[in-house]
Amino acid sequence: MYNLLAILLQFLSGSIMYSYILAKISNVNLREVRDGNPGSSNLWRVKGWKLGVLALILDYLKGIFPLAVFISIGLISNKYIIAISALCGILGHAFSPMLRFKGGKAIATTFGAWSVLTRWEGPTILGVTFTVFTLIKPKATKVEEDAFRVLLGFIALIPYVLYNSYNGKDYLLYFYVGNLLIIGYKHWNDWASFFRGLKKG
């Protein structure tokens, strides 16, 4: 029962679109900003860093809670259930019922989910990859370039996931595949556009 409850509550937590709510309060429709993504990056662009950072933190935390509470008080301990629950938080954001199942791209929530499963390790690999790309391409402001940075982050995770899977943590591999499928679906057009641009260049 606790397993199902953790999965359901994590999905519901992920489905709360904080950026969209904060934007609405500020009389902004994020669907009309840039690529229409109802996430913290677009809120940051139109309303400044204060609201942007707040939304980013909230999107990150919903990838962690309430799952972390279930784990900390011992209600669930099965690593596969934890992985499924974490993945459901990402699903909730990407396909939020609050926005008729047209949610955001789930990057901040992905960081939160990896934090639950690996503490600092997974988020650090993603964060370092994002940072290196940003330093190499400091003027990477296009949606397609942002999406390519995400792709690089997931490629960088592959050795870490395979190593841990080989050492008995195969639930990380299942989580990674599920996470990549969601992220790939949400970024597919941007990835395709990026590579088309490279060919033309």
C-alpha atoms as a PDB file:
ATOM      1  CA  MET A   1       0.000   0.000   0.000  1.00  0.00           C
ATOM      2  CA  TYR A   2       2.790   2.440   0.880  1.00  0.00           C
ATOM      3  CA  ASN A   3       4.496   1.621  -2.418  1.00  0.00           C
ATOM      4  CA  LEU A   4       1.439   2.628  -4.428  1.00  0.00           C
ATOM      5  CA  LEU A   5       0.886   5.691  -2.265  1.00  0.00           C
ATOM      6  CA  ALA A   6       4.479   6.860  -2.803  1.00  0.00           C
ATOM      7  CA  ILE A   7       4.144   6.411  -6.564  1.00  0.00           C
ATOM      8  CA  LEU A   8       0.830   8.281  -6.704  1.00  0.00           C
ATOM      9  CA  LEU A   9       1.883  11.155  -4.437  1.00  0.00           C
ATOM     10  CA  GLN A  10       5.166  11.598  -6.274  1.00  0.00           C
ATOM     11  CA  PHE A  11       3.303  11.874  -9.568  1.00  0.00           C
ATOM     12  CA  LEU A  12       0.893  14.415  -8.056  1.00  0.00           C
ATOM     13  CA  SER A  13       3.798  16.381  -6.611  1.00  0.00           C
ATOM     14  CA  GLY A  14       5.505  16.461 -10.002  1.00  0.00           C
ATOM     15  CA  SER A  15       2.314  17.593 -11.713  1.00  0.00           C
ATOM     16  CA  ILE A  16       2.135  20.861  -9.729  1.00  0.00           C
ATOM     17  CA  MET A  17       3.409  23.431 -12.233  1.00  0.00           C
ATOM     18  CA  TYR A  18       4.950  26.049  -9.975  1.00  0.00           C
ATOM     19  CA  SER A  19       6.446  28.115 -12.789  1.00  0.00           C
ATOM     20  CA  TYR A  20       3.102  28.301 -14.542  1.00  0.00           C
ATOM     21  CA  ILE A  21       1.344  29.280 -11.309  1.00  0.00           C
ATOM     22  CA  LEU A  22       3.884  32.000 -10.486  1.00  0.00           C
ATOM     23  CA  ALA A  23       3.660  33.294 -14.044  1.00  0.00           C
ATOM     24  CA  LYS A  24      -0.136  33.439 -13.903  1.00  0.00           C
ATOM     25  CA  ILE A  25       0.024  35.376 -10.642  1.00  0.00           C
ATOM     26  CA  SER A  26       2.329  37.811 -12.467  1.00  0.00           C
ATOM     27  CA  ASN A  27      -0.080  38.044 -15.439  1.00  0.00           C
ATOM     28  CA  VAL A  28       2.234  36.140 -17.783  1.00  0.00           C
ATOM     29  CA  ASN A  29       1.267  33.206 -20.000  1.00  0.00           C
ATOM     30  CA  LEU A  30       4.351  31.025 -20.357  1.00  0.00           C
ATOM     31  CA  ARG A  31       2.785  29.278 -23.342  1.00  0.00           C
ATOM     32  CA  GLU A  32       3.459  32.501 -25.254  1.00  0.00           C
ATOM     33  CA  VAL A  33       7.104  32.800 -24.200  1.00  0.00           C
ATOM     34  CA  ARG A  34       9.948  31.515 -26.342  1.00  0.00           C
ATOM     35  CA  ASP A  35       9.239  27.805 -26.996  1.00  0.00           C
ATOM     36  CA  GLY A  36       6.106  27.778 -24.853  1.00  0.00           C
ATOM     37  CA  ASN A  37       7.668  25.611 -22.154  1.00  0.00           C
ATOM     38  CA  PRO A  38       5.880  26.246 -18.817  1.00  0.00           C
ATOM     39  CA  GLY A  39       9.099  25.893 -16.863  1.00  0.00           C
ATOM     40  CA  SER A  40      11.433  27.948 -14.709  1.00  0.00           C
ATOM     41  CA  SER A  41      13.785  28.936 -17.558  1.00  0.00           C
ATOM     42  CA  ASN A  42      11.068  30.817 -19.422  1.00  0.00           C
ATOM     43  CA  LEU A  43       9.772  32.365 -16.212  1.00  0.00           C
ATOM     44  CA  TRP A  44      13.318  33.563 -15.481  1.00  0.00           C
ATOM     45  CA  ARG A  45      13.520  35.181 -18.922  1.00  0.00           C
ATOM     46  CA  VAL A  46      10.293  37.177 -18.593  1.00  0.00           C
ATOM     47  CA  LYS A  47      10.114  37.919 -14.849  1.00  0.00           C
ATOM     48  CA  GLY A  48      13.746  37.981 -13.741  1.00  0.00           C
ATOM     49  CA  TRP A  49      16.019  35.812 -11.645  1.00  0.00           C
ATOM     50  CA  LYS A  50      14.132  36.045  -8.347  1.00  0.00           C
ATOM     51  CA  LEU A  51      10.973  34.321  -9.562  1.00  0.00           C
ATOM     52  CA  GLY A  52      13.076  32.141 -11.850  1.00  0.00           C
ATOM     53  CA  VAL A  53      15.218  30.824  -9.001  1.00  0.00           C
ATOM     54  CA  LEU A  54      12.165  30.280  -6.797  1.00  0.00           C
ATOM     55  CA  ALA A  55      10.471  28.237  -9.525  1.00  0.00           C
ATOM     56  CA  LEU A  56      13.696  26.320 -10.191  1.00  0.00           C
ATOM     57  CA  ILE A  57      14.025  25.360  -6.527  1.00  0.00           C
ATOM     58  CA  LEU A  58      10.383  24.304  -6.316  1.00  0.00           C
ATOM     59  CA  ASP A  59      10.673  22.201  -9.487  1.00  0.00           C
ATOM     60  CA  TYR A  60      13.821  20.579  -8.097  1.00  0.00           C
ATOM     61  CA  LEU A  61      12.243  19.858  -4.713  1.00  0.00           C
ATOM     62  CA  LYS A  62       9.141  18.257  -6.188  1.00  0.00           C
ATOM     63  CA  GLY A  63      11.468  15.682  -7.729  1.00  0.00           C
ATOM     64  CA  ILE A  64      12.512  14.807  -4.171  1.00  0.00           C
ATOM     65  CA  PHE A  65       9.373  15.149  -2.050  1.00  0.00           C
ATOM     66  CA  PRO A  66       7.332  13.420  -0.805  1.00  0.00           C
ATOM     67  CA  LEU A  67       9.399  10.408  -1.885  1.00  0.00           C
ATOM     68  CA  ALA A  68      12.305  11.322   0.403  1.00  0.00           C
ATOM     69  CA  VAL A  69       9.926  11.376   3.385  1.00  0.00           C
ATOM     70  CA  PHE A  70       8.685   7.861   2.616  1.00  0.00           C
ATOM     71  CA  ILE A  71      12.296   6.675   2.435  1.00  0.00           C
ATOM     72  CA  SER A  72      13.543   8.503   5.538  1.00  0.00           C
ATOM     73  CA  ILE A  73      10.826   7.124   7.822  1.00  0.00           C
ATOM     74  CA  GLY A  74      11.160   3.625   6.415  1.00  0.00           C
ATOM     75  CA  LEU A  75       7.795   3.289   4.687  1.00  0.00           C
ATOM     76  CA  ILE A  76       9.471   2.146   1.467  1.00  0.00           C
ATOM     77  CA  SER A  77      12.906   0.635   0.946  1.00  0.00           C
ATOM     78  CA  ASN A  78      12.662  -1.310  -2.306  1.00  0.00           C
ATOM     79  CA  LYS A  79      15.041   0.409  -4.722  1.00  0.00           C
ATOM     80  CA  TYR A  80      12.905  -0.455  -7.738  1.00  0.00           C
ATOM     81  CA  ILE A  81       9.829   1.120  -6.165  1.00  0.00           C
ATOM     82  CA  ILE A  82      11.894   4.184  -5.292  1.00  0.00           C
ATOM     83  CA  ALA A  83      13.102   4.392  -8.903  1.00  0.00           C
ATOM     84  CA  ILE A  84       9.541   4.043 -10.235  1.00  0.00           C
ATOM     85  CA  SER A  85       8.301   6.703  -7.809  1.00  0.00           C
ATOM     86  CA  ALA A  86      11.101   9.104  -8.804  1.00  0.00           C
ATOM     87  CA  LEU A  87      10.286   8.514 -12.454  1.00  0.00           C
ATOM     88  CA  CYS A  88       6.617   9.250 -11.782  1.00  0.00           C
ATOM     89  CA  GLY A  89       7.573  12.654 -10.387  1.00  0.00           C
ATOM     90  CA  ILE A  90       9.251  13.431 -13.711  1.00  0.00           C
ATOM     91  CA  LEU A  91       6.233  12.085 -15.592  1.00  0.00           C
ATOM     92  CA  GLY A  92       3.967  14.307 -13.528  1.00  0.00           C
ATOM     93  CA  HIS A  93       5.871  17.409 -14.596  1.00  0.00           C
ATOM     94  CA  ALA A  94       6.240  16.377 -18.238  1.00  0.00           C
ATOM     95  CA  PHE A  95       2.572  15.379 -18.597  1.00  0.00           C
ATOM     96  CA  SER A  96       0.856  17.441 -15.950  1.00  0.00           C
ATOM     97  CA  PRO A  97      -2.928  16.931 -15.610  1.00  0.00           C
ATOM     98  CA  MET A  98      -2.943  20.542 -14.450  1.00  0.00           C
ATOM     99  CA  LEU A  99      -2.073  21.603 -18.021  1.00  0.00           C
ATOM    100  CA  ARG A 100      -4.118  18.940 -19.805  1.00  0.00           C
ATOM    101  CA  PHE A 101      -1.091  16.631 -19.881  1.00  0.00           C
ATOM    102  CA  LYS A 102       1.041  19.197 -21.723  1.00  0.00           C
ATOM    103  CA  GLY A 103       3.651  19.897 -19.075  1.00  0.00           C
ATOM    104  CA  GLY A 104       7.226  21.096 -19.069  1.00  0.00           C
ATOM    105  CA  LYS A 105      10.538  19.572 -20.094  1.00  0.00           C
ATOM    106  CA  ALA A 106      11.268  18.282 -16.575  1.00  0.00           C
ATOM    107  CA  ILE A 107      14.970  19.119 -16.284  1.00  0.00           C
ATOM    108  CA  ALA A 108      14.894  20.582 -12.754  1.00  0.00           C
ATOM    109  CA  THR A 109      12.623  17.748 -11.604  1.00  0.00           C
ATOM    110  CA  THR A 110      15.057  15.279 -13.173  1.00  0.00           C
ATOM    111  CA  PHE A 111      17.841  16.742 -11.019  1.00  0.00           C
ATOM    112  CA  GLY A 112      15.657  16.204  -7.963  1.00  0.00           C
ATOM    113  CA  ALA A 113      14.875  12.617  -8.886  1.00  0.00           C
ATOM    114  CA  TRP A 114      18.554  11.786  -9.418  1.00  0.00           C
ATOM    115  CA  SER A 115      19.281  13.357  -6.028  1.00  0.00           C
ATOM    116  CA  VAL A 116      16.902  10.916  -4.353  1.00  0.00           C
ATOM    117  CA  LEU A 117      18.451   7.929  -6.099  1.00  0.00           C
ATOM    118  CA  THR A 118      22.154   8.876  -6.050  1.00  0.00           C
ATOM    119  CA  ARG A 119      22.428  11.844  -3.674  1.00  0.00           C
ATOM    120  CA  TRP A 120      25.016  14.198  -5.204  1.00  0.00           C
ATOM    121  CA  GLU A 121      26.496  11.896  -7.849  1.00  0.00           C
ATOM    122  CA  GLY A 122      23.951  11.949 -10.684  1.00  0.00           C
ATOM    123  CA  PRO A 123      23.104  15.662 -10.357  1.00  0.00           C
ATOM    124  CA  THR A 124      26.818  16.524 -10.276  1.00  0.00           C
ATOM    125  CA  ILE A 125      27.472  14.721 -13.567  1.00  0.00           C
ATOM    126  CA  LEU A 126      24.532  16.500 -15.186  1.00  0.00           C
ATOM    127  CA  GLY A 127      25.454  19.851 -13.644  1.00  0.00           C
ATOM    128  CA  VAL A 128      29.128  19.699 -14.644  1.00  0.00           C
ATOM    129  CA  THR A 129      28.182  18.765 -18.217  1.00  0.00           C
ATOM    130  CA  PHE A 130      25.711  21.640 -18.414  1.00  0.00           C
ATOM    131  CA  THR A 131      28.313  24.048 -17.011  1.00  0.00           C
ATOM    132  CA  VAL A 132      31.065  22.955 -19.402  1.00  0.00           C
ATOM    133  CA  PHE A 133      28.744  23.364 -22.380  1.00  0.00           C
ATOM    134  CA  THR A 134      27.703  26.805 -21.148  1.00  0.00           C
ATOM    135  CA  LEU A 135      31.363  27.852 -20.794  1.00  0.00           C
ATOM    136  CA  ILE A 136      32.216  26.553 -24.260  1.00  0.00           C
ATOM    137  CA  LYS A 137      29.145  28.164 -25.827  1.00  0.00           C
ATOM    138  CA  PRO A 138      28.404  31.158 -23.584  1.00  0.00           C
ATOM    139  CA  LYS A 139      26.068  32.596 -26.201  1.00  0.00           C
ATOM    140  CA  ALA A 140      24.008  29.417 -26.508  1.00  0.00           C
ATOM    141  CA  THR A 141      20.620  31.031 -26.143  1.00  0.00           C
ATOM    142  CA  LYS A 142      18.649  29.071 -28.729  1.00  0.00           C
ATOM    143  CA  VAL A 143      16.136  26.492 -27.573  1.00  0.00           C
ATOM    144  CA  GLU A 144      17.878  23.874 -29.732  1.00  0.00           C
ATOM    145  CA  GLU A 145      21.234  24.538 -28.082  1.00  0.00           C
ATOM    146  CA  ASP A 146      19.685  24.252 -24.633  1.00  0.00           C
ATOM    147  CA  ALA A 147      18.221  20.904 -25.700  1.00  0.00           C
ATOM    148  CA  PHE A 148      21.599  19.698 -27.004  1.00  0.00           C
ATOM    149  CA  ARG A 149      23.130  20.502 -23.615  1.00  0.00           C
ATOM    150  CA  VAL A 150      20.543  18.199 -22.039  1.00  0.00           C
ATOM    151  CA  LEU A 151      21.460  15.444 -24.513  1.00  0.00           C
ATOM    152  CA  LEU A 152      25.141  15.784 -23.599  1.00  0.00           C
ATOM    153  CA  GLY A 153      24.239  15.499 -19.918  1.00  0.00           C
ATOM    154  CA  PHE A 154      22.456  12.203 -20.481  1.00  0.00           C
ATOM    155  CA  ILE A 155      25.322  10.883 -22.584  1.00  0.00           C
ATOM    156  CA  ALA A 156      27.708  11.785 -19.752  1.00  0.00           C
ATOM    157  CA  LEU A 157      25.560   9.737 -17.355  1.00  0.00           C
ATOM    158  CA  ILE A 158      25.956   6.518 -19.360  1.00  0.00           C
ATOM    159  CA  PRO A 159      29.326   5.332 -17.881  1.00  0.00           C
ATOM    160  CA  TYR A 160      28.100   6.075 -14.345  1.00  0.00           C
ATOM    161  CA  VAL A 161      24.833   4.203 -14.870  1.00  0.00           C
ATOM    162  CA  LEU A 162      26.504   1.202 -16.523  1.00  0.00           C
ATOM    163  CA  TYR A 163      29.151   0.968 -13.788  1.00  0.00           C
ATOM    164  CA  ASN A 164      26.528   1.011 -11.032  1.00  0.00           C
ATOM    165  CA  SER A 165      24.290  -1.407 -12.911  1.00  0.00           C
ATOM    166  CA  TYR A 166      27.210  -3.840 -13.238  1.00  0.00           C
ATOM    167  CA  ASN A 167      27.729  -3.549  -9.482  1.00  0.00           C
ATOM    168  CA  GLY A 168      24.194  -4.546  -8.590  1.00  0.00           C
ATOM    169  CA  LYS A 169      22.309  -1.263  -8.899  1.00  0.00           C
ATOM    170  CA  ASP A 170      20.457  -2.164 -12.076  1.00  0.00           C
ATOM    171  CA  TYR A 171      17.447  -0.148 -10.921  1.00  0.00           C
ATOM    172  CA  LEU A 172      19.489   2.914 -11.949  1.00  0.00           C
ATOM    173  CA  LEU A 173      19.653   1.585 -15.494  1.00  0.00           C
ATOM    174  CA  TYR A 174      15.886   1.128 -15.622  1.00  0.00           C
ATOM    175  CA  PHE A 175      15.385   4.604 -14.201  1.00  0.00           C
ATOM    176  CA  TYR A 176      17.862   6.085 -16.675  1.00  0.00           C
ATOM    177  CA  VAL A 177      16.104   4.498 -19.656  1.00  0.00           C
ATOM    178  CA  GLY A 178      12.708   5.729 -18.460  1.00  0.00           C
ATOM    179  CA  ASN A 179      14.066   9.198 -17.750  1.00  0.00           C
ATOM    180  CA  LEU A 180      15.746   9.369 -21.158  1.00  0.00           C
ATOM    181  CA  LEU A 181      12.542   8.316 -22.918  1.00  0.00           C
ATOM    182  CA  ILE A 182      10.605  11.121 -21.224  1.00  0.00           C
ATOM    183  CA  ILE A 183      13.308  13.721 -21.817  1.00  0.00           C
ATOM    184  CA  GLY A 184      13.762  12.507 -25.392  1.00  0.00           C
ATOM    185  CA  TYR A 185      10.056  12.831 -26.102  1.00  0.00           C
ATOM    186  CA  LYS A 186       9.968  16.374 -24.691  1.00  0.00           C
ATOM    187  CA  HIS A 187      13.140  17.469 -26.531  1.00  0.00           C
ATOM    188  CA  TRP A 188      12.958  15.446 -29.734  1.00  0.00           C
ATOM    189  CA  ASN A 189      11.977  18.284 -32.066  1.00  0.00           C
ATOM    190  CA  ASP A 190      14.638  20.550 -30.564  1.00  0.00           C
ATOM    191  CA  TRP A 191      17.317  17.875 -30.956  1.00  0.00           C
ATOM    192  CA  ALA A 192      16.293  17.268 -34.564  1.00  0.00           C
ATOM    193  CA  SER A 193      16.346  21.004 -35.258  1.00  0.00           C
ATOM    194  CA  PHE A 194      19.814  21.333 -33.709  1.00  0.00           C
ATOM    195  CA  PHE A 195      21.305  18.596 -35.885  1.00  0.00           C
ATOM    196  CA  ARG A 196      19.593  19.955 -38.997  1.00  0.00           C
ATOM    197  CA  GLY A 197      21.239  23.289 -38.223  1.00  0.00           C
ATOM    198  CA  LEU A 198      24.645  21.601 -37.996  1.00  0.00           C
ATOM    199  CA  LYS A 199      24.158  20.012 -41.426  1.00  0.00           C
ATOM    200  CA  LYS A 200      23.197  23.332 -42.986  1.00  0.00           C
ATOM    201  CA  GLY A 201      26.190  24.979 -41.335  1.00  0.00           C
END
